[in-house]
Amino acid sequence: MPRKNLRQKSKRVVREVDLVPLSSEEIDAFLERQIAEYAEEKRRAGHWSGADAQELSRKSVMAVVGPDPMKGDHRFFKGTSEDGACVGWIWVGLPPGEFHLQRARWLYQILVEEDSRGRGFGRAMLVALEDLLSGAGVEALHLNVFKWNLVARSLYDSMGYEVVLETETEAGMRKRLRRHSRRIVGGRKRRRSPRR
């Protein structure tokens, strides 16, 4: 008697997103949001006290991006769905200097808007970012995730990120990016024309 195939088809919807660069005003608003969120995460981790967290977070974030985020080595995107709605945000840049990483980028933040969560947009934004970076010759994407962020950790695990450094409160992760024969145009993949 033949065995039944017990594997069910995934019900996950494959999403596509465009990564649209942020304007200067959008970057400022995004960074203010990140400063508040980072302060809260560092308080929760026990690294900073409640009274000092906001100021320390501001100094930390601004030291990374510099005085003019539009002119530095950091890139800020909003993820837009096929109907043009903003579903999330991404901040990527050079890795912190103390890691001495070559041909790599650091994912400082990926954020899915609350009303778009659980619908595959985080995965889609990460895939679009990986394609964009690998097309530009980047060989690895690194990130840091707090251990209580189980949704993000599950996403990274499922997409092939590996833990390279672990502390009591955080995990440093890395994914080696594959070179591909596609290029990104406006956030969407386009096949290259055959060479003549």
N, C-alpha and C. Protein backbone atom coordinates (compact mmCIF):
# COMPACT_ATOMS: atom_id res chain seq x y z
N MET A 1 0.84 -1.17 0.00
CA MET A 1 0.00 0.00 0.00
C MET A 1 0.90 1.25 0.00
N PRO A 2 0.70 2.18 -0.96
CA PRO A 2 1.56 3.36 -1.01
C PRO A 2 1.35 4.27 0.19
N ARG A 3 2.45 4.86 0.63
CA ARG A 3 2.35 5.79 1.76
C ARG A 3 1.76 7.11 1.30
N LYS A 4 0.93 7.68 2.14
CA LYS A 4 0.36 8.98 1.82
C LYS A 4 1.41 10.07 2.06
N ASN A 5 1.38 11.05 1.21
CA ASN A 5 2.27 12.19 1.40
C ASN A 5 1.66 13.08 2.48
N LEU A 6 2.30 13.10 3.63
CA LEU A 6 1.77 13.85 4.76
C LEU A 6 2.16 15.32 4.72
N ARG A 7 3.10 15.68 3.82
CA ARG A 7 3.53 17.07 3.73
C ARG A 7 2.42 17.91 3.12
N GLN A 8 2.04 18.95 3.82
CA GLN A 8 1.00 19.85 3.31
C GLN A 8 1.66 21.02 2.61
N LYS A 9 0.94 21.55 1.65
CA LYS A 9 1.43 22.74 0.97
C LYS A 9 1.40 23.91 1.93
N SER A 10 2.42 24.77 1.81
CA SER A 10 2.47 25.96 2.67
C SER A 10 1.33 26.90 2.32
N LYS A 11 0.74 27.47 3.35
CA LYS A 11 -0.31 28.45 3.14
C LYS A 11 0.25 29.86 3.13
N ARG A 12 1.59 29.97 3.26
CA ARG A 12 2.23 31.28 3.29
C ARG A 12 2.09 31.94 1.93
N VAL A 13 1.63 33.16 1.92
CA VAL A 13 1.50 33.92 0.69
C VAL A 13 2.85 34.56 0.38
N VAL A 14 3.32 34.38 -0.84
CA VAL A 14 4.58 35.00 -1.24
C VAL A 14 4.28 36.43 -1.67
N ARG A 15 4.88 37.37 -0.98
CA ARG A 15 4.64 38.78 -1.23
C ARG A 15 5.80 39.36 -2.03
N GLU A 16 5.53 40.44 -2.73
CA GLU A 16 6.58 41.23 -3.35
C GLU A 16 6.45 42.64 -2.83
N VAL A 17 7.60 43.24 -2.57
CA VAL A 17 7.61 44.64 -2.13
C VAL A 17 8.66 45.39 -2.93
N ASP A 18 8.43 46.67 -3.07
CA ASP A 18 9.45 47.57 -3.58
C ASP A 18 10.13 48.22 -2.40
N LEU A 19 11.43 48.43 -2.49
CA LEU A 19 12.16 49.18 -1.49
C LEU A 19 12.38 50.58 -2.04
N VAL A 20 11.73 51.55 -1.43
CA VAL A 20 11.75 52.92 -1.91
C VAL A 20 12.61 53.76 -0.97
N PRO A 21 13.65 54.43 -1.48
CA PRO A 21 14.48 55.27 -0.60
C PRO A 21 13.65 56.35 0.09
N LEU A 22 13.99 56.62 1.36
CA LEU A 22 13.28 57.63 2.12
C LEU A 22 13.79 59.03 1.79
N SER A 23 12.90 59.99 1.90
CA SER A 23 13.29 61.39 1.79
C SER A 23 13.98 61.81 3.08
N SER A 24 14.59 62.99 3.08
CA SER A 24 15.26 63.50 4.26
C SER A 24 14.29 63.61 5.45
N GLU A 25 13.09 64.09 5.19
CA GLU A 25 12.09 64.24 6.25
C GLU A 25 11.66 62.88 6.78
N GLU A 26 11.50 61.92 5.89
CA GLU A 26 11.12 60.56 6.32
C GLU A 26 12.23 59.92 7.14
N ILE A 27 13.49 60.17 6.77
CA ILE A 27 14.61 59.62 7.55
C ILE A 27 14.60 60.21 8.96
N ASP A 28 14.39 61.52 9.06
CA ASP A 28 14.35 62.15 10.38
C ASP A 28 13.27 61.53 11.27
N ALA A 29 12.07 61.35 10.70
CA ALA A 29 10.97 60.76 11.47
C ALA A 29 11.28 59.31 11.84
N PHE A 30 11.86 58.56 10.89
CA PHE A 30 12.22 57.17 11.13
C PHE A 30 13.25 57.08 12.26
N LEU A 31 14.27 57.94 12.24
CA LEU A 31 15.31 57.89 13.26
C LEU A 31 14.76 58.24 14.64
N GLU A 32 13.83 59.18 14.71
CA GLU A 32 13.21 59.49 16.01
C GLU A 32 12.50 58.26 16.57
N ARG A 33 11.83 57.56 15.69
CA ARG A 33 11.13 56.33 16.09
C ARG A 33 12.14 55.29 16.57
N GLN A 34 13.28 55.18 15.87
CA GLN A 34 14.29 54.20 16.24
C GLN A 34 14.95 54.54 17.56
N ILE A 35 15.17 55.83 17.81
CA ILE A 35 15.78 56.26 19.07
C ILE A 35 14.89 55.84 20.25
N ALA A 36 13.60 56.06 20.12
CA ALA A 36 12.67 55.67 21.19
C ALA A 36 12.63 54.16 21.37
N GLU A 37 12.58 53.43 20.27
CA GLU A 37 12.52 51.96 20.35
C GLU A 37 13.80 51.37 20.92
N TYR A 38 14.95 51.88 20.47
CA TYR A 38 16.24 51.37 20.93
C TYR A 38 16.42 51.65 22.43
N ALA A 39 15.98 52.82 22.88
CA ALA A 39 16.05 53.14 24.31
C ALA A 39 15.25 52.12 25.12
N GLU A 40 14.06 51.78 24.64
CA GLU A 40 13.22 50.82 25.35
C GLU A 40 13.86 49.43 25.37
N GLU A 41 14.42 49.00 24.25
CA GLU A 41 15.06 47.67 24.19
C GLU A 41 16.28 47.60 25.12
N LYS A 42 17.08 48.66 25.14
CA LYS A 42 18.26 48.66 26.01
C LYS A 42 17.87 48.72 27.49
N ARG A 43 16.77 49.41 27.80
CA ARG A 43 16.25 49.40 29.18
C ARG A 43 15.83 47.98 29.55
N ARG A 44 15.08 47.36 28.63
CA ARG A 44 14.59 46.00 28.90
C ARG A 44 15.74 45.02 29.09
N ALA A 45 16.81 45.22 28.33
CA ALA A 45 17.98 44.35 28.45
C ALA A 45 18.78 44.61 29.72
N GLY A 46 18.47 45.72 30.41
CA GLY A 46 19.20 46.06 31.63
C GLY A 46 20.51 46.78 31.36
N HIS A 47 20.73 47.22 30.12
CA HIS A 47 21.98 47.90 29.77
C HIS A 47 21.97 49.37 30.18
N TRP A 48 20.79 49.99 30.12
CA TRP A 48 20.67 51.41 30.44
C TRP A 48 19.56 51.60 31.46
N SER A 49 19.71 52.66 32.28
CA SER A 49 18.65 52.98 33.24
C SER A 49 17.55 53.77 32.53
N GLY A 50 16.37 53.75 33.12
CA GLY A 50 15.23 54.45 32.53
C GLY A 50 15.48 55.93 32.33
N ALA A 51 16.17 56.56 33.28
CA ALA A 51 16.38 58.01 33.20
C ALA A 51 17.33 58.40 32.07
N ASP A 52 18.31 57.59 31.80
CA ASP A 52 19.34 57.93 30.81
C ASP A 52 19.11 57.31 29.44
N ALA A 53 18.21 56.37 29.33
CA ALA A 53 18.09 55.57 28.10
C ALA A 53 17.84 56.40 26.85
N GLN A 54 16.94 57.36 26.93
CA GLN A 54 16.61 58.16 25.75
C GLN A 54 17.81 58.95 25.24
N GLU A 55 18.53 59.59 26.15
CA GLU A 55 19.70 60.37 25.76
C GLU A 55 20.81 59.47 25.22
N LEU A 56 21.04 58.34 25.89
CA LEU A 56 22.06 57.41 25.41
C LEU A 56 21.69 56.83 24.05
N SER A 57 20.43 56.55 23.85
CA SER A 57 19.97 56.02 22.57
C SER A 57 20.19 57.05 21.47
N ARG A 58 19.84 58.30 21.72
CA ARG A 58 20.03 59.36 20.72
C ARG A 58 21.51 59.48 20.34
N LYS A 59 22.37 59.51 21.35
CA LYS A 59 23.82 59.62 21.08
C LYS A 59 24.31 58.42 20.28
N SER A 60 23.85 57.24 20.64
CA SER A 60 24.29 56.02 19.96
C SER A 60 23.85 56.00 18.49
N VAL A 61 22.57 56.30 18.25
CA VAL A 61 22.04 56.28 16.88
C VAL A 61 22.70 57.35 16.03
N MET A 62 22.84 58.57 16.58
CA MET A 62 23.41 59.66 15.79
C MET A 62 24.90 59.45 15.54
N ALA A 63 25.61 58.77 16.46
CA ALA A 63 27.01 58.45 16.22
C ALA A 63 27.16 57.48 15.05
N VAL A 64 26.18 56.61 14.88
CA VAL A 64 26.21 55.64 13.78
C VAL A 64 25.92 56.31 12.44
N VAL A 65 24.87 57.11 12.38
CA VAL A 65 24.46 57.69 11.09
C VAL A 65 25.20 58.97 10.73
N GLY A 66 25.79 59.65 11.71
CA GLY A 66 26.50 60.89 11.42
C GLY A 66 25.57 62.09 11.36
N PRO A 67 26.15 63.28 11.13
CA PRO A 67 25.35 64.50 11.17
C PRO A 67 24.35 64.63 10.01
N ASP A 68 24.65 64.00 8.87
CA ASP A 68 23.73 64.07 7.73
C ASP A 68 23.50 62.66 7.19
N PRO A 69 22.45 61.98 7.65
CA PRO A 69 22.21 60.59 7.23
C PRO A 69 22.07 60.41 5.72
N MET A 70 21.68 61.47 5.01
CA MET A 70 21.53 61.37 3.55
C MET A 70 22.88 61.24 2.85
N LYS A 71 23.96 61.67 3.51
CA LYS A 71 25.27 61.68 2.86
C LYS A 71 26.19 60.56 3.33
N GLY A 72 25.76 59.78 4.27
CA GLY A 72 26.62 58.75 4.83
C GLY A 72 26.52 57.43 4.08
N ASP A 73 27.01 56.38 4.71
CA ASP A 73 27.01 55.04 4.13
C ASP A 73 25.80 54.23 4.56
N HIS A 74 24.76 54.90 5.03
CA HIS A 74 23.55 54.22 5.46
C HIS A 74 22.45 54.48 4.46
N ARG A 75 21.58 53.48 4.29
CA ARG A 75 20.46 53.62 3.37
C ARG A 75 19.18 53.28 4.12
N PHE A 76 18.16 54.05 3.83
CA PHE A 76 16.88 53.92 4.50
C PHE A 76 15.80 53.73 3.44
N PHE A 77 14.97 52.72 3.64
CA PHE A 77 13.92 52.40 2.68
C PHE A 77 12.59 52.22 3.38
N LYS A 78 11.52 52.47 2.63
CA LYS A 78 10.22 51.99 3.06
C LYS A 78 9.84 50.87 2.10
N GLY A 79 9.23 49.84 2.66
CA GLY A 79 8.73 48.75 1.83
C GLY A 79 7.32 49.07 1.41
N THR A 80 7.05 49.00 0.13
CA THR A 80 5.69 49.27 -0.35
C THR A 80 5.14 48.03 -1.02
N SER A 81 3.87 47.77 -0.77
CA SER A 81 3.21 46.61 -1.35
C SER A 81 2.84 46.90 -2.80
N GLU A 82 2.29 45.91 -3.48
CA GLU A 82 1.93 46.07 -4.88
C GLU A 82 0.92 47.18 -5.10
N ASP A 83 0.10 47.49 -4.09
CA ASP A 83 -0.87 48.58 -4.24
C ASP A 83 -0.31 49.93 -3.78
N GLY A 84 0.99 49.97 -3.47
CA GLY A 84 1.64 51.23 -3.10
C GLY A 84 1.60 51.59 -1.63
N ALA A 85 0.97 50.75 -0.81
CA ALA A 85 0.87 51.04 0.62
C ALA A 85 2.22 50.77 1.31
N CYS A 86 2.57 51.62 2.28
CA CYS A 86 3.79 51.41 3.06
C CYS A 86 3.52 50.29 4.07
N VAL A 87 4.34 49.23 4.01
CA VAL A 87 4.16 48.10 4.91
C VAL A 87 5.28 47.98 5.94
N GLY A 88 6.36 48.74 5.74
CA GLY A 88 7.46 48.64 6.68
C GLY A 88 8.65 49.48 6.29
N TRP A 89 9.73 49.31 7.07
CA TRP A 89 10.91 50.17 6.96
C TRP A 89 12.17 49.33 7.12
N ILE A 90 13.24 49.76 6.45
CA ILE A 90 14.53 49.09 6.56
C ILE A 90 15.63 50.14 6.67
N TRP A 91 16.59 49.85 7.55
CA TRP A 91 17.79 50.68 7.69
C TRP A 91 18.98 49.73 7.59
N VAL A 92 19.86 49.98 6.61
CA VAL A 92 21.03 49.14 6.40
C VAL A 92 22.24 50.04 6.18
N GLY A 93 23.40 49.59 6.63
CA GLY A 93 24.61 50.40 6.46
C GLY A 93 25.86 49.58 6.66
N LEU A 94 26.99 50.29 6.70
CA LEU A 94 28.24 49.61 6.98
C LEU A 94 28.20 49.04 8.39
N PRO A 95 28.84 47.90 8.61
CA PRO A 95 28.87 47.33 9.96
C PRO A 95 29.62 48.24 10.93
N PRO A 96 29.29 48.16 12.21
CA PRO A 96 30.06 48.90 13.21
C PRO A 96 31.54 48.59 13.07
N GLY A 97 32.37 49.62 13.20
CA GLY A 97 33.81 49.49 12.94
C GLY A 97 34.52 48.44 13.76
N GLU A 98 34.04 48.19 14.96
CA GLU A 98 34.75 47.23 15.83
C GLU A 98 34.71 45.79 15.31
N PHE A 99 33.82 45.52 14.33
CA PHE A 99 33.72 44.15 13.81
C PHE A 99 34.67 43.89 12.65
N HIS A 100 35.20 44.92 12.02
CA HIS A 100 36.18 44.78 10.93
C HIS A 100 35.69 43.83 9.84
N LEU A 101 34.48 44.03 9.39
CA LEU A 101 33.88 43.17 8.36
C LEU A 101 34.07 43.79 6.98
N GLN A 102 34.51 42.99 6.04
CA GLN A 102 34.72 43.44 4.67
C GLN A 102 33.60 42.94 3.77
N ARG A 103 33.21 43.73 2.78
CA ARG A 103 32.18 43.37 1.79
C ARG A 103 30.91 42.87 2.48
N ALA A 104 30.56 43.56 3.57
CA ALA A 104 29.38 43.18 4.35
C ALA A 104 28.57 44.44 4.66
N ARG A 105 27.32 44.23 5.01
CA ARG A 105 26.45 45.31 5.48
C ARG A 105 25.78 44.85 6.76
N TRP A 106 25.28 45.83 7.51
CA TRP A 106 24.63 45.58 8.79
C TRP A 106 23.18 46.00 8.68
N LEU A 107 22.28 45.10 9.05
CA LEU A 107 20.86 45.42 9.10
C LEU A 107 20.58 46.02 10.46
N TYR A 108 20.46 47.34 10.50
CA TYR A 108 20.23 48.03 11.76
C TYR A 108 18.77 47.93 12.20
N GLN A 109 17.86 47.88 11.22
CA GLN A 109 16.44 47.77 11.58
C GLN A 109 15.63 47.29 10.39
N ILE A 110 14.74 46.39 10.68
CA ILE A 110 13.66 46.05 9.76
C ILE A 110 12.40 46.07 10.61
N LEU A 111 11.41 46.80 10.16
CA LEU A 111 10.21 47.00 10.94
C LEU A 111 9.00 46.88 10.02
N VAL A 112 8.08 46.02 10.39
CA VAL A 112 6.82 45.89 9.65
C VAL A 112 5.76 46.66 10.43
N GLU A 113 5.02 47.50 9.72
CA GLU A 113 3.95 48.27 10.37
C GLU A 113 2.95 47.32 11.00
N GLU A 114 2.40 47.72 12.13
CA GLU A 114 1.55 46.84 12.92
C GLU A 114 0.40 46.23 12.13
N ASP A 115 -0.26 47.02 11.30
CA ASP A 115 -1.42 46.49 10.56
C ASP A 115 -1.02 45.62 9.37
N SER A 116 0.29 45.49 9.10
CA SER A 116 0.76 44.64 8.01
C SER A 116 1.48 43.39 8.51
N ARG A 117 1.53 43.20 9.82
CA ARG A 117 2.27 42.06 10.38
C ARG A 117 1.54 40.74 10.17
N GLY A 118 2.33 39.67 10.09
CA GLY A 118 1.76 38.34 9.93
C GLY A 118 1.27 38.05 8.53
N ARG A 119 1.68 38.85 7.56
CA ARG A 119 1.21 38.67 6.18
C ARG A 119 2.35 38.46 5.19
N GLY A 120 3.57 38.19 5.69
CA GLY A 120 4.70 37.88 4.82
C GLY A 120 5.50 39.07 4.34
N PHE A 121 5.18 40.27 4.83
CA PHE A 121 5.89 41.45 4.33
C PHE A 121 7.31 41.56 4.89
N GLY A 122 7.54 41.10 6.12
CA GLY A 122 8.89 41.13 6.66
C GLY A 122 9.82 40.27 5.84
N ARG A 123 9.38 39.08 5.51
CA ARG A 123 10.17 38.18 4.67
C ARG A 123 10.41 38.81 3.30
N ALA A 124 9.37 39.39 2.71
CA ALA A 124 9.49 39.99 1.38
C ALA A 124 10.48 41.15 1.39
N MET A 125 10.43 41.98 2.43
CA MET A 125 11.37 43.10 2.50
C MET A 125 12.81 42.60 2.65
N LEU A 126 12.98 41.55 3.46
CA LEU A 126 14.32 41.01 3.66
C LEU A 126 14.85 40.38 2.37
N VAL A 127 14.00 39.67 1.63
CA VAL A 127 14.42 39.09 0.35
C VAL A 127 14.82 40.20 -0.62
N ALA A 128 14.00 41.26 -0.69
CA ALA A 128 14.31 42.38 -1.59
C ALA A 128 15.64 43.04 -1.21
N LEU A 129 15.89 43.20 0.09
CA LEU A 129 17.14 43.79 0.54
C LEU A 129 18.33 42.89 0.20
N GLU A 130 18.20 41.59 0.45
CA GLU A 130 19.28 40.66 0.13
C GLU A 130 19.60 40.70 -1.36
N ASP A 131 18.58 40.75 -2.20
CA ASP A 131 18.79 40.84 -3.65
C ASP A 131 19.51 42.14 -4.03
N LEU A 132 19.08 43.23 -3.43
CA LEU A 132 19.69 44.53 -3.70
C LEU A 132 21.17 44.52 -3.32
N LEU A 133 21.47 44.01 -2.14
CA LEU A 133 22.85 44.00 -1.66
C LEU A 133 23.72 43.04 -2.45
N SER A 134 23.24 41.84 -2.71
CA SER A 134 24.06 40.88 -3.45
C SER A 134 24.32 41.38 -4.86
N GLY A 135 23.35 42.07 -5.46
CA GLY A 135 23.55 42.65 -6.79
C GLY A 135 24.61 43.75 -6.79
N ALA A 136 24.86 44.34 -5.62
CA ALA A 136 25.89 45.38 -5.50
C ALA A 136 27.22 44.82 -5.03
N GLY A 137 27.33 43.50 -4.95
CA GLY A 137 28.60 42.87 -4.58
C GLY A 137 28.80 42.63 -3.10
N VAL A 138 27.78 42.87 -2.28
CA VAL A 138 27.88 42.61 -0.84
C VAL A 138 27.83 41.10 -0.63
N GLU A 139 28.72 40.59 0.21
CA GLU A 139 28.83 39.14 0.40
C GLU A 139 28.12 38.61 1.63
N ALA A 140 27.84 39.48 2.61
CA ALA A 140 27.20 39.00 3.84
C ALA A 140 26.38 40.12 4.46
N LEU A 141 25.27 39.72 5.08
CA LEU A 141 24.43 40.66 5.83
C LEU A 141 24.44 40.22 7.28
N HIS A 142 24.79 41.13 8.17
CA HIS A 142 24.86 40.87 9.61
C HIS A 142 23.75 41.64 10.31
N LEU A 143 23.39 41.16 11.48
CA LEU A 143 22.38 41.86 12.28
C LEU A 143 22.50 41.43 13.73
N ASN A 144 21.82 42.16 14.57
CA ASN A 144 21.74 41.84 15.99
C ASN A 144 20.27 41.80 16.37
N VAL A 145 19.87 40.78 17.12
CA VAL A 145 18.47 40.67 17.52
C VAL A 145 18.40 40.36 19.02
N PHE A 146 17.50 41.07 19.71
CA PHE A 146 17.29 40.78 21.12
C PHE A 146 16.58 39.44 21.24
N LYS A 147 16.95 38.66 22.24
CA LYS A 147 16.46 37.29 22.35
C LYS A 147 14.96 37.18 22.57
N TRP A 148 14.34 38.21 23.12
CA TRP A 148 12.90 38.13 23.33
C TRP A 148 12.10 38.45 22.07
N ASN A 149 12.76 38.89 21.01
CA ASN A 149 12.06 39.17 19.76
C ASN A 149 11.94 37.86 18.98
N LEU A 150 11.05 37.00 19.43
CA LEU A 150 10.94 35.65 18.88
C LEU A 150 10.44 35.63 17.45
N VAL A 151 9.60 36.58 17.08
CA VAL A 151 9.09 36.63 15.70
C VAL A 151 10.24 36.92 14.74
N ALA A 152 11.05 37.93 15.07
CA ALA A 152 12.18 38.27 14.21
C ALA A 152 13.18 37.12 14.17
N ARG A 153 13.48 36.54 15.32
CA ARG A 153 14.45 35.45 15.37
C ARG A 153 13.98 34.27 14.52
N SER A 154 12.70 33.96 14.58
CA SER A 154 12.14 32.88 13.78
C SER A 154 12.29 33.17 12.28
N LEU A 155 12.04 34.42 11.90
CA LEU A 155 12.19 34.81 10.49
C LEU A 155 13.63 34.63 10.05
N TYR A 156 14.58 35.14 10.83
CA TYR A 156 15.99 35.03 10.45
C TYR A 156 16.43 33.57 10.37
N ASP A 157 16.02 32.77 11.34
CA ASP A 157 16.36 31.34 11.31
C ASP A 157 15.82 30.68 10.04
N SER A 158 14.58 30.98 9.70
CA SER A 158 13.96 30.34 8.54
C SER A 158 14.57 30.78 7.22
N MET A 159 15.27 31.92 7.23
CA MET A 159 15.87 32.43 6.01
C MET A 159 17.36 32.15 5.91
N GLY A 160 17.87 31.32 6.82
CA GLY A 160 19.25 30.87 6.69
C GLY A 160 20.29 31.71 7.40
N TYR A 161 19.86 32.58 8.31
CA TYR A 161 20.84 33.34 9.10
C TYR A 161 21.39 32.43 10.19
N GLU A 162 22.68 32.59 10.49
CA GLU A 162 23.32 31.77 11.51
C GLU A 162 23.80 32.65 12.65
N VAL A 163 23.77 32.10 13.85
CA VAL A 163 24.26 32.82 15.02
C VAL A 163 25.78 32.78 15.01
N VAL A 164 26.40 33.97 15.09
CA VAL A 164 27.85 34.05 15.11
C VAL A 164 28.38 34.60 16.44
N LEU A 165 27.49 35.19 17.22
CA LEU A 165 27.88 35.74 18.52
C LEU A 165 26.64 35.78 19.39
N GLU A 166 26.79 35.37 20.65
CA GLU A 166 25.62 35.33 21.53
C GLU A 166 25.98 35.88 22.89
N THR A 167 25.09 36.71 23.42
CA THR A 167 25.24 37.22 24.78
C THR A 167 24.00 36.80 25.56
N GLU A 168 23.91 37.25 26.79
CA GLU A 168 22.76 36.90 27.62
C GLU A 168 21.45 37.45 27.05
N THR A 169 21.53 38.60 26.38
CA THR A 169 20.29 39.26 25.90
C THR A 169 20.16 39.34 24.38
N GLU A 170 21.24 39.08 23.64
CA GLU A 170 21.21 39.30 22.19
C GLU A 170 21.90 38.18 21.43
N ALA A 171 21.57 38.12 20.15
CA ALA A 171 22.25 37.20 19.24
C ALA A 171 22.71 37.98 18.02
N GLY A 172 23.98 37.84 17.68
CA GLY A 172 24.52 38.39 16.44
C GLY A 172 24.38 37.33 15.38
N MET A 173 23.82 37.71 14.23
CA MET A 173 23.54 36.72 13.18
C MET A 173 24.13 37.19 11.85
N ARG A 174 24.34 36.23 10.95
CA ARG A 174 24.92 36.53 9.65
C ARG A 174 24.32 35.62 8.59
N LYS A 175 24.18 36.16 7.40
CA LYS A 175 23.82 35.35 6.24
C LYS A 175 24.77 35.70 5.11
N ARG A 176 25.37 34.68 4.53
CA ARG A 176 26.21 34.89 3.35
C ARG A 176 25.28 35.01 2.15
N LEU A 177 25.47 36.06 1.38
CA LEU A 177 24.59 36.33 0.25
C LEU A 177 25.15 35.71 -1.02
N ARG A 178 24.27 35.20 -1.83
CA ARG A 178 24.67 34.60 -3.10
C ARG A 178 24.62 35.65 -4.19
N ARG A 179 25.59 35.58 -5.07
CA ARG A 179 25.54 36.44 -6.25
C ARG A 179 24.45 35.90 -7.14
N HIS A 180 23.74 36.78 -7.79
CA HIS A 180 22.67 36.34 -8.67
C HIS A 180 22.77 37.04 -10.02
N SER A 181 22.05 36.52 -10.98
CA SER A 181 22.12 37.07 -12.34
C SER A 181 20.96 38.01 -12.61
N ARG A 182 20.42 38.57 -11.55
CA ARG A 182 19.35 39.53 -11.71
C ARG A 182 19.79 40.85 -11.12
N ARG A 183 19.19 41.91 -11.56
CA ARG A 183 19.47 43.21 -10.98
C ARG A 183 18.16 43.80 -10.49
N ILE A 184 18.25 44.77 -9.61
CA ILE A 184 17.06 45.38 -9.04
C ILE A 184 16.78 46.69 -9.76
N VAL A 185 15.57 46.83 -10.22
CA VAL A 185 15.13 48.07 -10.84
C VAL A 185 13.89 48.52 -10.09
N GLY A 186 14.00 49.61 -9.37
CA GLY A 186 12.85 50.09 -8.61
C GLY A 186 12.37 49.11 -7.56
N GLY A 187 13.28 48.24 -7.08
CA GLY A 187 12.90 47.30 -6.04
C GLY A 187 12.43 45.96 -6.56
N ARG A 188 12.11 45.85 -7.84
CA ARG A 188 11.66 44.59 -8.43
C ARG A 188 12.82 43.93 -9.17
N LYS A 189 12.82 42.61 -9.21
CA LYS A 189 13.87 41.88 -9.90
C LYS A 189 13.59 41.90 -11.40
N ARG A 190 14.63 42.14 -12.17
CA ARG A 190 14.54 42.08 -13.62
C ARG A 190 15.65 41.18 -14.13
N ARG A 191 15.33 40.31 -15.04
CA ARG A 191 16.36 39.45 -15.61
C ARG A 191 17.26 40.26 -16.52
N ARG A 192 18.55 39.98 -16.45
CA ARG A 192 19.49 40.66 -17.33
C ARG A 192 19.34 40.10 -18.74
N SER A 193 19.56 40.95 -19.69
CA SER A 193 19.55 40.51 -21.08
C SER A 193 20.77 39.65 -21.33
N PRO A 194 20.64 38.62 -22.19
CA PRO A 194 21.81 37.80 -22.48
C PRO A 194 22.89 38.63 -23.15
N ARG A 195 24.13 38.33 -22.83
CA ARG A 195 25.24 39.06 -23.44
C ARG A 195 25.40 38.60 -24.88
N ARG A 196 25.75 39.54 -25.73
CA ARG A 196 25.95 39.23 -27.16
C ARG A 196 27.42 39.09 -27.45
